[in-house]
N, C-alpha and C. Protein backbone atom coordinates (compact mmCIF):
# COMPACT_ATOMS: atom_id res chain seq x y z
N ASP A 1 207.69 62.35 109.71
CA ASP A 1 208.09 61.18 109.11
C ASP A 1 207.91 60.04 110.17
N LEU A 2 207.36 58.92 109.77
CA LEU A 2 207.08 57.77 110.64
C LEU A 2 208.00 56.57 110.30
N LYS A 3 208.56 55.91 111.33
CA LYS A 3 209.39 54.72 111.04
C LYS A 3 208.80 53.60 111.84
N MET A 4 208.65 52.45 111.18
CA MET A 4 208.07 51.23 111.88
C MET A 4 209.10 50.70 112.88
N VAL A 5 208.57 50.51 114.08
CA VAL A 5 209.46 49.96 115.17
C VAL A 5 209.30 48.44 115.27
N LYS A 6 208.01 48.01 115.39
CA LYS A 6 207.74 46.55 115.42
C LYS A 6 206.22 46.25 115.32
N ARG A 7 206.00 45.10 114.89
CA ARG A 7 204.58 44.61 114.91
C ARG A 7 204.28 44.01 116.31
N VAL A 8 203.18 44.49 116.90
CA VAL A 8 202.82 44.02 118.19
C VAL A 8 201.67 43.10 118.24
N SER A 9 200.96 42.98 117.10
CA SER A 9 199.75 42.10 117.11
C SER A 9 199.52 41.67 115.66
N LYS A 10 199.12 40.43 115.44
CA LYS A 10 198.72 40.02 114.14
C LYS A 10 197.50 39.07 114.33
N GLY A 11 196.47 39.44 113.58
CA GLY A 11 195.25 38.72 113.63
C GLY A 11 194.63 38.65 112.25
N SER A 12 193.39 38.21 112.14
CA SER A 12 192.77 38.22 110.89
C SER A 12 191.51 39.12 110.95
N PRO A 13 191.42 40.13 110.30
CA PRO A 13 192.27 40.55 109.12
C PRO A 13 193.18 41.69 109.43
N SER A 14 193.43 41.97 110.75
CA SER A 14 194.23 43.16 111.10
C SER A 14 195.61 42.87 111.78
N SER A 15 196.49 43.78 111.63
CA SER A 15 197.76 43.78 112.37
C SER A 15 198.04 45.13 112.93
N VAL A 16 198.67 45.21 114.13
CA VAL A 16 198.94 46.48 114.80
C VAL A 16 200.47 46.59 114.85
N TYR A 17 200.98 47.81 114.51
CA TYR A 17 202.42 48.10 114.53
C TYR A 17 202.64 49.31 115.37
N ILE A 18 203.85 49.35 115.95
CA ILE A 18 204.29 50.57 116.66
C ILE A 18 205.15 51.35 115.74
N LEU A 19 204.81 52.70 115.60
CA LEU A 19 205.64 53.53 114.76
C LEU A 19 206.30 54.66 115.60
N HIS A 20 207.38 55.11 115.12
CA HIS A 20 208.05 56.29 115.77
C HIS A 20 208.05 57.43 114.93
N SER A 21 207.49 58.61 115.48
CA SER A 21 207.57 59.87 114.73
C SER A 21 208.82 60.58 114.97
N THR A 22 209.55 60.86 113.85
CA THR A 22 210.78 61.65 113.99
C THR A 22 210.43 63.12 114.05
N GLU A 23 209.14 63.51 113.83
CA GLU A 23 208.65 64.88 113.86
C GLU A 23 208.48 65.34 115.34
N ASP A 24 207.79 64.52 116.13
CA ASP A 24 207.49 64.87 117.50
C ASP A 24 208.08 63.89 118.53
N ASN A 25 208.86 62.92 118.07
CA ASN A 25 209.51 61.92 118.87
C ASN A 25 208.55 61.12 119.74
N LYS A 26 207.40 60.86 119.26
CA LYS A 26 206.32 60.10 119.99
C LYS A 26 206.17 58.79 119.22
N LEU A 27 205.60 57.86 120.01
CA LEU A 27 205.26 56.55 119.47
C LEU A 27 203.74 56.47 119.18
N TYR A 28 203.42 55.87 118.04
CA TYR A 28 202.00 55.82 117.64
C TYR A 28 201.72 54.28 117.27
N ALA A 29 200.51 53.86 117.33
CA ALA A 29 200.08 52.56 116.88
C ALA A 29 199.41 52.73 115.54
N LEU A 30 199.69 51.75 114.69
CA LEU A 30 199.01 51.77 113.37
C LEU A 30 198.30 50.33 113.22
N LYS A 31 197.08 50.46 112.98
CA LYS A 31 196.25 49.29 112.76
C LYS A 31 195.97 49.15 111.26
N MET A 32 196.44 48.13 110.63
CA MET A 32 196.17 47.87 109.23
C MET A 32 195.19 46.70 109.07
N THR A 33 194.08 47.04 108.39
CA THR A 33 193.02 46.01 108.24
C THR A 33 192.98 45.65 106.77
N GLU A 34 193.28 44.37 106.47
CA GLU A 34 193.18 43.86 105.11
C GLU A 34 191.75 43.66 104.59
N CYS A 35 191.51 44.18 103.46
CA CYS A 35 190.04 44.07 102.92
C CYS A 35 190.25 43.42 101.52
N LEU A 36 189.63 42.24 101.42
CA LEU A 36 189.84 41.44 100.17
C LEU A 36 188.81 41.85 99.01
N ASP A 37 187.82 42.65 99.38
CA ASP A 37 186.89 43.12 98.37
C ASP A 37 186.37 44.47 98.79
N GLU A 38 185.55 45.01 97.95
CA GLU A 38 185.00 46.40 98.15
C GLU A 38 184.07 46.37 99.42
N SER A 39 183.27 45.34 99.51
CA SER A 39 182.32 45.32 100.68
C SER A 39 183.03 45.35 101.96
N GLU A 40 184.17 44.50 102.07
CA GLU A 40 184.94 44.55 103.31
C GLU A 40 185.60 45.93 103.56
N ALA A 41 186.03 46.61 102.58
CA ALA A 41 186.63 47.92 102.62
C ALA A 41 185.53 48.93 103.19
N ILE A 42 184.38 48.80 102.61
CA ILE A 42 183.25 49.75 103.06
C ILE A 42 182.93 49.50 104.50
N LYS A 43 182.75 48.22 104.89
CA LYS A 43 182.50 47.81 106.27
C LYS A 43 183.51 48.42 107.17
N SER A 44 184.75 48.17 106.93
CA SER A 44 185.88 48.64 107.71
C SER A 44 185.87 50.17 107.78
N TYR A 45 185.63 50.84 106.73
CA TYR A 45 185.61 52.36 106.66
C TYR A 45 184.52 52.83 107.62
N ASN A 46 183.37 52.22 107.47
CA ASN A 46 182.20 52.61 108.31
C ASN A 46 182.53 52.45 109.79
N GLU A 47 183.13 51.35 110.22
CA GLU A 47 183.52 51.02 111.55
C GLU A 47 184.42 52.15 112.05
N GLU A 48 185.40 52.56 111.24
CA GLU A 48 186.33 53.60 111.65
C GLU A 48 185.67 54.96 111.75
N MET A 49 184.65 55.31 110.95
CA MET A 49 183.92 56.47 111.07
C MET A 49 183.14 56.56 112.37
N GLU A 50 182.58 55.30 112.79
CA GLU A 50 181.87 55.29 114.05
C GLU A 50 182.86 55.48 115.21
N LEU A 51 184.03 54.87 115.09
CA LEU A 51 185.06 54.99 116.20
C LEU A 51 185.45 56.45 116.34
N LYS A 52 185.51 57.14 115.27
CA LYS A 52 185.94 58.54 115.33
C LYS A 52 184.95 59.50 116.14
N LYS A 53 183.68 59.04 116.17
CA LYS A 53 182.68 59.72 116.92
C LYS A 53 182.73 59.56 118.38
N LEU A 54 183.40 58.44 118.83
CA LEU A 54 183.42 58.13 120.28
C LEU A 54 184.24 59.06 121.09
N ASP A 55 183.85 59.40 122.26
CA ASP A 55 184.57 60.29 123.14
C ASP A 55 184.49 59.66 124.54
N ASN A 56 185.43 58.74 124.69
CA ASN A 56 185.47 57.93 125.99
C ASN A 56 186.90 57.83 126.42
N ALA A 57 187.10 57.93 127.75
CA ALA A 57 188.44 57.78 128.34
C ALA A 57 189.06 56.40 127.99
N HIS A 58 188.19 55.39 127.83
CA HIS A 58 188.74 54.04 127.70
C HIS A 58 188.89 53.59 126.30
N VAL A 59 188.69 54.54 125.34
CA VAL A 59 188.82 54.21 123.88
C VAL A 59 189.79 55.28 123.28
N CYS A 60 190.90 54.74 122.73
CA CYS A 60 191.86 55.68 122.16
C CYS A 60 191.40 56.16 120.73
N GLY A 61 191.56 57.45 120.52
CA GLY A 61 191.17 57.94 119.28
C GLY A 61 192.27 57.82 118.22
N TYR A 62 192.06 58.45 117.11
CA TYR A 62 193.18 58.30 116.06
C TYR A 62 193.41 59.68 115.49
N LYS A 63 194.65 59.76 114.94
CA LYS A 63 195.10 61.04 114.42
C LYS A 63 194.82 61.06 112.95
N GLU A 64 195.02 59.97 112.24
CA GLU A 64 194.93 59.88 110.79
C GLU A 64 194.22 58.58 110.42
N PHE A 65 193.63 58.63 109.24
CA PHE A 65 192.95 57.52 108.67
C PHE A 65 193.27 57.51 107.13
N PHE A 66 193.77 56.45 106.59
CA PHE A 66 194.05 56.46 105.20
C PHE A 66 193.93 55.05 104.63
N ILE A 67 193.71 54.96 103.30
CA ILE A 67 193.49 53.72 102.65
C ILE A 67 194.64 53.51 101.71
N THR A 68 195.21 52.29 101.61
CA THR A 68 196.29 51.95 100.69
C THR A 68 195.90 50.70 99.94
N TYR A 69 196.55 50.54 98.80
CA TYR A 69 196.33 49.36 97.97
C TYR A 69 197.66 48.60 97.77
N ASP A 70 197.68 47.33 98.16
CA ASP A 70 198.86 46.57 97.88
C ASP A 70 198.64 45.70 96.63
N LYS A 71 199.36 46.09 95.57
CA LYS A 71 199.18 45.43 94.25
C LYS A 71 199.59 43.91 94.40
N GLN A 72 200.68 43.60 95.10
CA GLN A 72 201.12 42.24 95.23
C GLN A 72 200.06 41.34 95.88
N ALA A 73 199.43 41.87 96.92
CA ALA A 73 198.44 41.03 97.69
C ALA A 73 197.07 41.24 97.07
N SER A 74 196.91 42.19 96.14
CA SER A 74 195.59 42.46 95.58
C SER A 74 194.63 42.82 96.72
N SER A 75 195.08 43.55 97.70
CA SER A 75 194.20 43.96 98.75
C SER A 75 194.25 45.36 99.07
N VAL A 76 193.13 45.82 99.61
CA VAL A 76 193.06 47.23 100.14
C VAL A 76 193.31 47.17 101.64
N PHE A 77 194.08 48.10 102.15
CA PHE A 77 194.27 48.21 103.60
C PHE A 77 193.69 49.47 104.12
N VAL A 78 192.87 49.39 105.22
CA VAL A 78 192.30 50.56 105.89
C VAL A 78 193.22 50.75 107.06
N ASN A 79 193.86 51.93 107.20
CA ASN A 79 194.85 52.17 108.20
C ASN A 79 194.38 53.30 109.13
N ILE A 80 194.53 53.05 110.44
CA ILE A 80 194.21 53.95 111.40
C ILE A 80 195.25 54.09 112.46
């Protein structure tokens, strides 16, 4: 289970949050990228797939990747 600790960065179109895992007691970063249409969502998805391929000490990897839809904002969020 993950609990949001705080937002550490807000930009356009992404925000970064610190999350605490009650399962392993570690902190994780969550990057939420707002996509206003399908083409933005596809572009963001493709960027994340390229990031997943990187193996570099100066680039952090990610544990999970998921997509959510915010009905109020009428936006898709790509989350890593």
